[in-house]
């Protein structure tokens, strides 16, 4: 039996006018002329043989018939939009874009990806580099890893993966020159810094209950992986994030003469809430949570938390604001 439907093309114009309460604004939204939108609405009104809007001096308002039609049209369009989004997501099911700061990607994530691919050969992981707050748009990645504090914001799910601990690291040869080592030994050393976390030394000294008035001098590096390379070649002492240096310490390439203390931040995994149900997102989430918690020398988080979201930048809701500091 043939369906008895109104002119379908005109329903989009009707919904836009009803939602915006203006023919002019609706025309701008649809990239049509005001006259074209008026004609489409008039076609619908002729089909139903009654007015759908009352024209006012400062806009329009729906008639009783118009309100009934709007409820049906919005329900249908919402369903079409949701199905379209799901179908497009399924089409991209094999590709997973993960945002990650450079040093975390280089020193932890990249060389572990073969393990993930071995278990999930159908998922192709693309690494998108994060170099600063607010850089990544919501539509540019499927999920991301950052260092900060999980927060509540609409639109994102975040998991507290593992507590970050940090402390001074140096080459074994440099440490051997000053045994036994005391914190005062650092005053005779070249302190290395990163531009992404310029206050790391001051934070560490404060956590140890020591004066951090004069720890700003010394060479600076754009990323932690560059600073750690300088550390490994004996150029000085740097503050290292334990998850990024634990393997080098275990292998004997670096030493942490004073151990590690909590930095007050957590490594967090986050992704848009609308993608939480995608199998590729669930697979990578489970793998990251398991891998970080089992990593050598990394202290596990007290609990795994799903939070309603992630902080959104004040500049634009369409841009993601990463935490105050990045595990670069």
Protein backbone atom coordinates (compact mmCIF):
# COMPACT_ATOMS: atom_id res chain seq x y z
CA UNK A 1 0.00 0.00 0.00
CA UNK A 2 1.35 3.39 -0.97
CA UNK A 3 2.29 5.66 1.95
CA UNK A 4 0.27 8.84 2.33
CA UNK A 5 2.98 11.38 3.14
CA UNK A 6 3.30 15.16 2.86
CA UNK A 7 5.88 16.66 0.48
CA UNK A 8 9.08 15.43 2.16
CA UNK A 9 11.49 18.03 0.77
CA UNK A 10 9.43 20.82 2.27
CA UNK A 11 9.49 19.30 5.76
CA UNK A 12 13.14 20.32 6.30
CA UNK A 13 12.32 23.94 5.54
CA UNK A 14 9.27 23.81 7.81
CA UNK A 15 11.31 22.38 10.69
CA UNK A 16 14.00 25.03 10.28
CA UNK A 17 11.48 27.88 10.37
CA UNK A 18 9.68 26.36 13.36
CA UNK A 19 12.94 25.85 15.25
CA UNK A 20 14.36 29.30 14.48
CA UNK A 21 11.01 31.16 14.65
CA UNK A 22 12.09 33.11 11.57
CA UNK A 23 11.94 32.63 7.81
CA UNK A 24 15.03 34.77 7.33
CA UNK A 25 17.21 32.90 9.84
CA UNK A 26 15.99 29.53 8.56
CA UNK A 27 16.87 30.58 5.01
CA UNK A 28 20.41 31.44 6.14
CA UNK A 29 20.73 28.05 7.87
CA UNK A 30 19.59 26.21 4.74
CA UNK A 31 21.58 28.41 2.32
CA UNK A 32 18.35 29.30 0.53
CA UNK A 33 16.61 32.56 -0.22
CA UNK A 34 13.83 33.80 2.00
CA UNK A 35 11.42 33.43 -0.90
CA UNK A 36 12.41 29.80 -1.52
CA UNK A 37 11.75 28.87 2.12
CA UNK A 38 8.41 30.72 2.07
CA UNK A 39 7.33 28.83 -1.03
CA UNK A 40 8.22 25.46 0.51
CA UNK A 41 6.22 26.23 3.66
CA UNK A 42 3.31 27.48 1.53
CA UNK A 43 3.37 24.14 -0.35
CA UNK A 44 2.95 22.31 2.95
CA UNK A 45 0.16 24.61 4.09
CA UNK A 46 -1.68 23.99 0.81
CA UNK A 47 -1.20 20.25 1.25
CA UNK A 48 -2.82 20.34 4.71
CA UNK A 49 -5.22 23.11 3.69
CA UNK A 50 -4.55 25.10 6.82
CA UNK A 51 -1.88 27.51 8.10
CA UNK A 52 1.12 26.17 10.00
CA UNK A 53 2.46 29.56 11.18
CA UNK A 54 1.10 32.87 12.33
CA UNK A 55 3.14 35.73 10.89
CA UNK A 56 4.12 38.25 13.57
CA UNK A 57 5.95 41.57 13.34
CA UNK A 58 9.10 40.11 14.92
CA UNK A 59 8.93 36.52 13.65
CA UNK A 60 6.46 33.64 13.47
CA UNK A 61 4.71 31.28 15.84
CA UNK A 62 3.28 27.84 15.24
CA UNK A 63 -0.42 27.16 14.96
CA UNK A 64 -1.95 24.13 16.68
CA UNK A 65 -1.54 22.15 13.46
CA UNK A 66 2.01 23.41 13.12
CA UNK A 67 2.95 22.19 16.60
CA UNK A 68 1.54 18.73 15.88
CA UNK A 69 3.44 18.50 12.63
CA UNK A 70 6.67 19.78 14.24
CA UNK A 71 6.65 17.00 16.86
CA UNK A 72 6.35 14.34 14.17
CA UNK A 73 8.96 15.95 11.88
CA UNK A 74 11.54 16.44 14.66
CA UNK A 75 11.13 12.83 15.81
CA UNK A 76 11.67 11.57 12.26
CA UNK A 77 14.66 13.85 11.60
CA UNK A 78 16.27 12.96 14.94
CA UNK A 79 15.98 9.29 14.07
CA UNK A 80 17.48 9.82 10.63
CA UNK A 81 20.34 11.86 12.09
CA UNK A 82 21.14 9.19 14.69
CA UNK A 83 21.06 6.38 12.15
CA UNK A 84 23.22 8.37 9.72
CA UNK A 85 25.81 9.01 12.43
CA UNK A 86 25.89 5.31 13.39
CA UNK A 87 26.22 4.14 9.79
CA UNK A 88 29.07 6.54 9.10
CA UNK A 89 30.81 5.49 12.32
CA UNK A 90 30.51 1.82 11.35
CA UNK A 91 32.01 2.62 7.95
CA UNK A 92 35.09 3.99 9.74
CA UNK A 93 35.15 1.13 12.21
CA UNK A 94 38.56 -0.12 11.11
CA UNK A 95 40.41 3.16 11.76
CA UNK A 96 41.03 4.51 15.28
CA UNK A 97 42.54 7.99 15.68
CA UNK A 98 44.26 8.43 19.06
CA UNK A 99 45.48 11.83 20.23
CA UNK A 100 48.63 11.65 22.34
CA UNK A 101 51.42 14.03 23.46
CA UNK A 102 54.70 13.35 21.61
CA UNK A 103 56.83 12.00 24.45
CA UNK A 104 54.14 9.65 25.76
CA UNK A 105 53.63 8.39 22.22
CA UNK A 106 57.35 7.86 21.60
CA UNK A 107 58.35 6.42 24.96
CA UNK A 108 55.30 4.37 25.85
CA UNK A 109 52.60 3.99 23.22
CA UNK A 110 54.25 3.42 19.84
CA UNK A 111 56.40 0.40 20.68
CA UNK A 112 53.44 -1.28 22.40
CA UNK A 113 51.06 -0.93 19.44
CA UNK A 114 52.15 -4.26 17.89
CA UNK A 115 50.68 -5.99 20.95
CA UNK A 116 47.36 -4.25 20.35
CA UNK A 117 47.41 -5.06 16.63
CA UNK A 118 48.14 -8.72 17.38
CA UNK A 119 44.91 -8.95 19.38
CA UNK A 120 42.87 -6.61 17.15
CA UNK A 121 44.25 -6.99 13.61
CA UNK A 122 41.19 -5.35 12.08
CA UNK A 123 41.73 -2.01 13.87
CA UNK A 124 44.21 0.40 12.29
CA UNK A 125 45.53 2.87 14.86
CA UNK A 126 46.52 6.37 13.73
CA UNK A 127 48.43 8.51 16.26
CA UNK A 128 47.55 12.23 16.25
CA UNK A 129 50.13 14.33 18.08
CA UNK A 130 48.90 16.68 20.81
CA UNK A 131 51.28 19.57 21.43
CA UNK A 132 49.18 21.99 23.47
CA UNK A 133 45.82 22.65 25.18
CA UNK A 134 42.82 23.08 22.93
CA UNK A 135 44.60 21.88 19.81
CA UNK A 136 42.42 18.94 18.91
CA UNK A 137 38.88 19.39 17.68
CA UNK A 138 36.24 16.94 18.85
CA UNK A 139 35.76 15.61 15.31
CA UNK A 140 39.51 15.03 14.75
CA UNK A 141 40.06 12.03 17.03
CA UNK A 142 38.29 9.00 18.47
CA UNK A 143 40.09 9.06 21.83
CA UNK A 144 43.10 10.67 23.49
CA UNK A 145 45.52 10.29 26.39
CA UNK A 146 46.56 13.29 28.50
CA UNK A 147 47.96 14.13 31.91
CA UNK A 148 45.76 16.09 34.28
CA UNK A 149 42.79 15.66 36.59
CA UNK A 150 39.60 13.99 35.36
CA UNK A 151 36.80 16.52 35.40
CA UNK A 152 33.05 16.58 34.84
CA UNK A 153 31.85 18.08 31.59
CA UNK A 154 29.09 17.18 29.22
CA UNK A 155 30.03 15.26 26.10
CA UNK A 156 33.09 13.23 27.14
CA UNK A 157 33.88 10.07 29.07
CA UNK A 158 37.20 10.03 30.94
CA UNK A 159 39.04 7.25 32.74
CA UNK A 160 41.67 7.80 35.43
CA UNK A 161 44.29 5.35 34.20
CA UNK A 162 47.19 5.67 36.60
CA UNK A 163 48.65 8.09 39.11
CA UNK A 164 51.68 9.98 37.80
CA UNK A 165 54.79 10.01 39.97
CA UNK A 166 57.88 11.96 39.00
CA UNK A 167 61.42 12.52 40.21
CA UNK A 168 65.00 13.36 39.18
CA UNK A 169 66.62 10.98 36.72
CA UNK A 170 70.18 10.89 35.44
CA UNK A 171 72.67 8.60 33.76
CA UNK A 172 74.27 5.84 35.88
CA UNK A 173 77.70 7.39 35.32
CA UNK A 174 76.63 10.78 36.61
CA UNK A 175 75.05 9.30 39.72
CA UNK A 176 78.14 7.23 40.46
CA UNK A 177 80.29 10.33 40.74
CA UNK A 178 78.52 11.62 43.82
CA UNK A 179 77.73 8.58 45.99
CA UNK A 180 76.19 8.59 48.50
CA UNK A 181 73.68 11.03 47.02
CA UNK A 182 71.79 13.66 48.98
CA UNK A 183 69.35 16.21 47.57
CA UNK A 184 72.05 18.86 48.03
CA UNK A 185 74.00 17.02 45.31
CA UNK A 186 71.58 18.52 42.80
CA UNK A 187 72.96 22.00 43.50
CA UNK A 188 76.21 20.99 41.77
CA UNK A 189 74.46 19.48 38.74
CA UNK A 190 73.09 20.92 35.51
CA UNK A 191 69.30 20.84 35.79
CA UNK A 192 67.48 20.13 32.53
CA UNK A 193 63.97 21.43 31.80
CA UNK A 194 61.15 21.10 29.28
CA UNK A 195 59.11 23.99 27.93
CA UNK A 196 55.91 22.01 28.33
CA UNK A 197 56.43 21.60 32.10
CA UNK A 198 58.71 24.46 33.13
CA UNK A 199 57.77 24.16 36.81
CA UNK A 200 58.58 20.46 37.18
CA UNK A 201 61.71 21.02 39.32
CA UNK A 202 59.95 23.48 41.62
CA UNK A 203 57.03 21.07 42.04
CA UNK A 204 59.33 18.20 42.91
CA UNK A 205 61.33 20.21 45.48
CA UNK A 206 58.12 21.43 47.12
CA UNK A 207 56.83 17.85 47.32
CA UNK A 208 60.06 16.96 49.15
CA UNK A 209 59.61 19.86 51.55
CA UNK A 210 62.63 21.73 50.19
CA UNK A 211 63.20 25.32 49.03
CA UNK A 212 62.74 25.63 45.26
CA UNK A 213 63.75 29.27 44.91
CA UNK A 214 66.63 28.76 42.47
CA UNK A 215 65.92 25.82 40.16
CA UNK A 216 65.01 27.62 36.93
CA UNK A 217 68.47 27.71 35.37
CA UNK A 218 69.70 25.18 32.87
CA UNK A 219 69.08 24.01 29.29
CA UNK A 220 65.51 23.71 28.06
CA UNK A 221 64.03 21.22 25.62
CA UNK A 222 60.77 21.40 23.68
CA UNK A 223 59.71 17.88 24.65
CA UNK A 224 60.39 15.43 27.44
CA UNK A 225 61.80 12.81 25.07
CA UNK A 226 64.50 15.29 23.99
CA UNK A 227 65.31 16.15 27.59
CA UNK A 228 65.51 12.46 28.55
CA UNK A 229 67.87 11.81 25.67
CA UNK A 230 70.15 14.52 27.03
CA UNK A 231 69.86 12.95 30.49
CA UNK A 232 70.84 9.53 29.15
CA UNK A 233 74.02 10.97 27.61
CA UNK A 234 75.13 12.50 30.92
CA UNK A 235 74.35 16.15 30.11
CA UNK A 236 72.51 16.75 33.37
CA UNK A 237 69.60 15.76 35.59
CA UNK A 238 65.96 16.07 34.60
CA UNK A 239 62.60 15.43 36.22
CA UNK A 240 61.15 12.32 34.63
CA UNK A 241 57.62 10.97 34.66
CA UNK A 242 57.81 7.42 36.06
CA UNK A 243 55.69 5.76 33.34
CA UNK A 244 57.99 7.28 30.70
CA UNK A 245 61.29 6.24 32.31
CA UNK A 246 60.52 3.00 34.17
CA UNK A 247 61.73 0.78 31.30
CA UNK A 248 65.00 2.74 30.94
CA UNK A 249 65.57 2.42 34.68
CA UNK A 250 64.89 -1.30 34.58
CA UNK A 251 67.30 -1.66 31.65
CA UNK A 252 69.99 0.34 33.48
CA UNK A 253 70.05 3.27 31.07
CA UNK A 254 68.80 5.73 33.70
CA UNK A 255 68.70 5.88 37.48
CA UNK A 256 66.31 7.68 39.82
CA UNK A 257 68.53 8.44 42.83
CA UNK A 258 65.75 9.95 44.96
CA UNK A 259 62.82 7.84 43.81
CA UNK A 260 59.50 9.26 42.71
CA UNK A 261 56.77 11.29 44.41
CA UNK A 262 53.15 11.92 43.31
CA UNK A 263 52.83 14.86 40.93
CA UNK A 264 49.19 15.50 41.77
CA UNK A 265 48.08 14.52 38.27
CA UNK A 266 46.76 11.37 36.67
CA UNK A 267 47.21 9.85 33.27
CA UNK A 268 43.72 9.90 31.78
CA UNK A 269 42.07 8.39 28.73
CA UNK A 270 39.09 10.22 27.26
CA UNK A 271 36.78 10.15 24.28
CA UNK A 272 33.49 11.71 23.10
CA UNK A 273 30.54 10.10 24.85
CA UNK A 274 28.81 9.43 21.55
CA UNK A 275 31.66 7.07 20.60
CA UNK A 276 31.70 5.14 23.86
CA UNK A 277 29.81 2.21 22.38
CA UNK A 278 32.02 1.69 19.34
CA UNK A 279 33.83 -1.68 19.50
CA UNK A 280 37.14 -0.10 18.42
CA UNK A 281 36.93 2.45 21.25
CA UNK A 282 36.07 -0.20 23.83
CA UNK A 283 38.91 -2.43 22.60
CA UNK A 284 41.55 0.30 22.82
CA UNK A 285 40.24 1.53 26.17
CA UNK A 286 40.44 -1.93 27.72
CA UNK A 287 43.93 -2.49 26.31
CA UNK A 288 45.29 0.85 27.55
CA UNK A 289 43.81 0.40 31.03
CA UNK A 290 45.29 -3.07 31.30
CA UNK A 291 48.68 -2.18 29.79
CA UNK A 292 49.35 0.92 31.90
CA UNK A 293 48.37 -0.82 35.10
CA UNK A 294 50.64 -3.76 34.37
CA UNK A 295 53.57 -1.64 33.19
CA UNK A 296 56.74 -2.14 35.20
CA UNK A 297 57.19 0.38 37.99
CA UNK A 298 53.86 2.14 37.44
CA UNK A 299 51.62 2.59 40.43
CA UNK A 300 48.02 1.64 39.68
CA UNK A 301 45.16 4.05 40.23
CA UNK A 302 43.04 3.33 43.28
CA UNK A 303 39.99 2.97 41.05
CA UNK A 304 38.82 3.15 37.47
CA UNK A 305 36.31 5.91 37.02
CA UNK A 306 34.02 6.81 34.17
CA UNK A 307 33.29 10.50 34.43
CA UNK A 308 30.63 12.45 32.51
CA UNK A 309 33.19 14.35 30.49
CA UNK A 310 36.28 16.45 29.99
CA UNK A 311 36.92 20.18 30.38
CA UNK A 312 35.82 22.23 27.39
CA UNK A 313 37.77 25.31 26.34
CA UNK A 314 36.34 28.73 27.17
CA UNK A 315 37.33 29.89 23.69
CA UNK A 316 34.99 27.60 21.75
CA UNK A 317 32.83 24.65 22.72
CA UNK A 318 33.90 22.89 19.53
CA UNK A 319 37.53 22.76 20.70
CA UNK A 320 38.77 20.40 23.34
CA UNK A 321 40.73 21.86 26.24
CA UNK A 322 43.31 19.40 27.46
CA UNK A 323 44.46 19.45 31.10
CA UNK A 324 46.79 22.13 32.41
CA UNK A 325 49.87 20.09 31.61
CA UNK A 326 50.64 17.40 29.10
CA UNK A 327 52.67 14.21 29.56
CA UNK A 328 54.81 15.25 26.67
